[in-house]
Amino acid sequence: MRTFSLLFAFIALVLLAQFLIYVVREPTDPFIAGGIFFSFLICLVPALYLLKPFGGAEDLRRRREARKERETQREDEDRNSS
């Protein structure tokens, strides 16, 4: 999922650069500039949505603690099997 969100973010940055270049160069057509900016927003929304952590801060803390606990269990199992 992170790969897709980073891909959307990269495309959004390219569209923003394209929009800025188009606006700086003259003459500009407002319809085309608006279309490029709208495309930038359309690519930015999924990137921000996918980068946002799911759940609240409490869920995130609980998952981190569970991950640490699993890692310590694996380390203990590896020591015992050696």
C-alpha atoms as a PDB file:
ATOM      1  CA  MET A   1       0.000   0.000   0.000  1.00  0.00           C
ATOM      2  CA  ARG A   2       2.824   2.380   0.819  1.00  0.00           C
ATOM      3  CA  THR A   3       4.241   1.909  -2.691  1.00  0.00           C
ATOM      4  CA  PHE A   4       0.965   2.972  -4.291  1.00  0.00           C
ATOM      5  CA  SER A   5       0.662   5.981  -2.000  1.00  0.00           C
ATOM      6  CA  LEU A   6       4.206   7.061  -2.815  1.00  0.00           C
ATOM      7  CA  LEU A   7       3.479   6.588  -6.509  1.00  0.00           C
ATOM      8  CA  PHE A   8       0.389   8.797  -6.218  1.00  0.00           C
ATOM      9  CA  ALA A   9       2.433  11.377  -4.286  1.00  0.00           C
ATOM     10  CA  PHE A  10       5.122  11.372  -6.987  1.00  0.00           C
ATOM     11  CA  ILE A  11       2.535  11.821  -9.747  1.00  0.00           C
ATOM     12  CA  ALA A  12       0.930  14.635  -7.741  1.00  0.00           C
ATOM     13  CA  LEU A  13       4.291  16.396  -7.421  1.00  0.00           C
ATOM     14  CA  VAL A  14       4.909  16.053 -11.157  1.00  0.00           C
ATOM     15  CA  LEU A  15       1.474  17.526 -11.866  1.00  0.00           C
ATOM     16  CA  LEU A  16       2.122  20.382  -9.436  1.00  0.00           C
ATOM     17  CA  ALA A  17       5.419  21.137 -11.177  1.00  0.00           C
ATOM     18  CA  GLN A  18       3.666  20.982 -14.547  1.00  0.00           C
ATOM     19  CA  PHE A  19       0.974  23.359 -13.265  1.00  0.00           C
ATOM     20  CA  LEU A  20       3.542  25.837 -11.927  1.00  0.00           C
ATOM     21  CA  ILE A  21       5.540  25.760 -15.153  1.00  0.00           C
ATOM     22  CA  TYR A  22       2.368  26.260 -17.189  1.00  0.00           C
ATOM     23  CA  VAL A  23       1.245  29.217 -15.056  1.00  0.00           C
ATOM     24  CA  VAL A  24       4.655  30.913 -15.080  1.00  0.00           C
ATOM     25  CA  ARG A  25       4.930  30.693 -18.840  1.00  0.00           C
ATOM     26  CA  GLU A  26       2.562  32.982 -20.662  1.00  0.00           C
ATOM     27  CA  PRO A  27      -0.096  32.980 -22.106  1.00  0.00           C
ATOM     28  CA  THR A  28      -2.106  30.639 -19.922  1.00  0.00           C
ATOM     29  CA  ASP A  29      -5.532  29.247 -20.574  1.00  0.00           C
ATOM     30  CA  PRO A  30      -7.498  29.138 -17.287  1.00  0.00           C
ATOM     31  CA  PHE A  31      -9.375  26.009 -18.383  1.00  0.00           C
ATOM     32  CA  ILE A  32      -6.165  24.053 -18.978  1.00  0.00           C
ATOM     33  CA  ALA A  33      -4.554  25.411 -15.797  1.00  0.00           C
ATOM     34  CA  GLY A  34      -7.645  24.422 -13.834  1.00  0.00           C
ATOM     35  CA  GLY A  35      -7.594  20.934 -15.351  1.00  0.00           C
ATOM     36  CA  ILE A  36      -3.950  20.416 -14.401  1.00  0.00           C
ATOM     37  CA  PHE A  37      -4.570  21.674 -10.871  1.00  0.00           C
ATOM     38  CA  PHE A  38      -7.665  19.472 -10.529  1.00  0.00           C
ATOM     39  CA  SER A  39      -5.600  16.472 -11.668  1.00  0.00           C
ATOM     40  CA  PHE A  40      -3.031  17.370  -9.006  1.00  0.00           C
ATOM     41  CA  LEU A  41      -5.734  17.335  -6.340  1.00  0.00           C
ATOM     42  CA  ILE A  42      -7.174  14.052  -7.624  1.00  0.00           C
ATOM     43  CA  CYS A  43      -3.741  12.391  -7.276  1.00  0.00           C
ATOM     44  CA  LEU A  44      -3.032  13.996  -3.921  1.00  0.00           C
ATOM     45  CA  VAL A  45      -6.189  12.713  -2.206  1.00  0.00           C
ATOM     46  CA  PRO A  46      -5.434   8.964  -2.511  1.00  0.00           C
ATOM     47  CA  ALA A  47      -1.803   9.562  -1.555  1.00  0.00           C
ATOM     48  CA  LEU A  48      -2.808  11.302   1.658  1.00  0.00           C
ATOM     49  CA  TYR A  49      -5.509   8.742   2.367  1.00  0.00           C
ATOM     50  CA  LEU A  50      -3.162   5.791   1.912  1.00  0.00           C
ATOM     51  CA  LEU A  51      -0.351   7.378   3.940  1.00  0.00           C
ATOM     52  CA  LYS A  52      -2.684   8.087   6.855  1.00  0.00           C
ATOM     53  CA  PRO A  53      -2.408   5.428   9.557  1.00  0.00           C
ATOM     54  CA  PHE A  54      -5.617   3.457   9.979  1.00  0.00           C
ATOM     55  CA  GLY A  55      -7.203   3.640  13.418  1.00  0.00           C
ATOM     56  CA  GLY A  56      -6.485   5.982  16.252  1.00  0.00           C
ATOM     57  CA  ALA A  57      -3.386   6.594  18.302  1.00  0.00           C
ATOM     58  CA  GLU A  58      -4.442   3.965  20.826  1.00  0.00           C
ATOM     59  CA  ASP A  59      -4.698   1.279  18.124  1.00  0.00           C
ATOM     60  CA  LEU A  60      -1.310   2.250  16.781  1.00  0.00           C
ATOM     61  CA  ARG A  61       0.272   2.012  20.243  1.00  0.00           C
ATOM     62  CA  ARG A  62      -1.369  -1.379  20.836  1.00  0.00           C
ATOM     63  CA  ARG A  63      -0.077  -2.736  17.519  1.00  0.00           C
ATOM     64  CA  ARG A  64       3.459  -1.524  18.283  1.00  0.00           C
ATOM     65  CA  GLU A  65       3.398  -3.236  21.671  1.00  0.00           C
ATOM     66  CA  ALA A  66       2.115  -6.462  20.104  1.00  0.00           C
ATOM     67  CA  ARG A  67       4.861  -6.315  17.470  1.00  0.00           C
ATOM     68  CA  LYS A  68       7.550  -5.835  20.138  1.00  0.00           C
ATOM     69  CA  GLU A  69       6.134  -8.752  22.101  1.00  0.00           C
ATOM     70  CA  ARG A  70       6.200 -11.011  19.033  1.00  0.00           C
ATOM     71  CA  GLU A  71       9.793  -9.987  18.302  1.00  0.00           C
ATOM     72  CA  THR A  72      10.899 -10.846  21.837  1.00  0.00           C
ATOM     73  CA  GLN A  73       9.127 -14.208  21.575  1.00  0.00           C
ATOM     74  CA  ARG A  74      10.923 -14.955  18.302  1.00  0.00           C
ATOM     75  CA  GLU A  75      14.265 -14.005  19.817  1.00  0.00           C
ATOM     76  CA  ASP A  76      13.577 -16.296  22.786  1.00  0.00           C
ATOM     77  CA  GLU A  77      12.613 -19.162  20.435  1.00  0.00           C
ATOM     78  CA  ASP A  78      15.782 -18.611  18.378  1.00  0.00           C
ATOM     79  CA  ARG A  79      17.946 -18.715  21.519  1.00  0.00           C
ATOM     80  CA  ASN A  80      16.272 -21.886  22.747  1.00  0.00           C
ATOM     81  CA  SER A  81      16.574 -23.682  19.413  1.00  0.00           C
ATOM     82  CA  SER A  82      20.309 -22.871  19.068  1.00  0.00           C
END
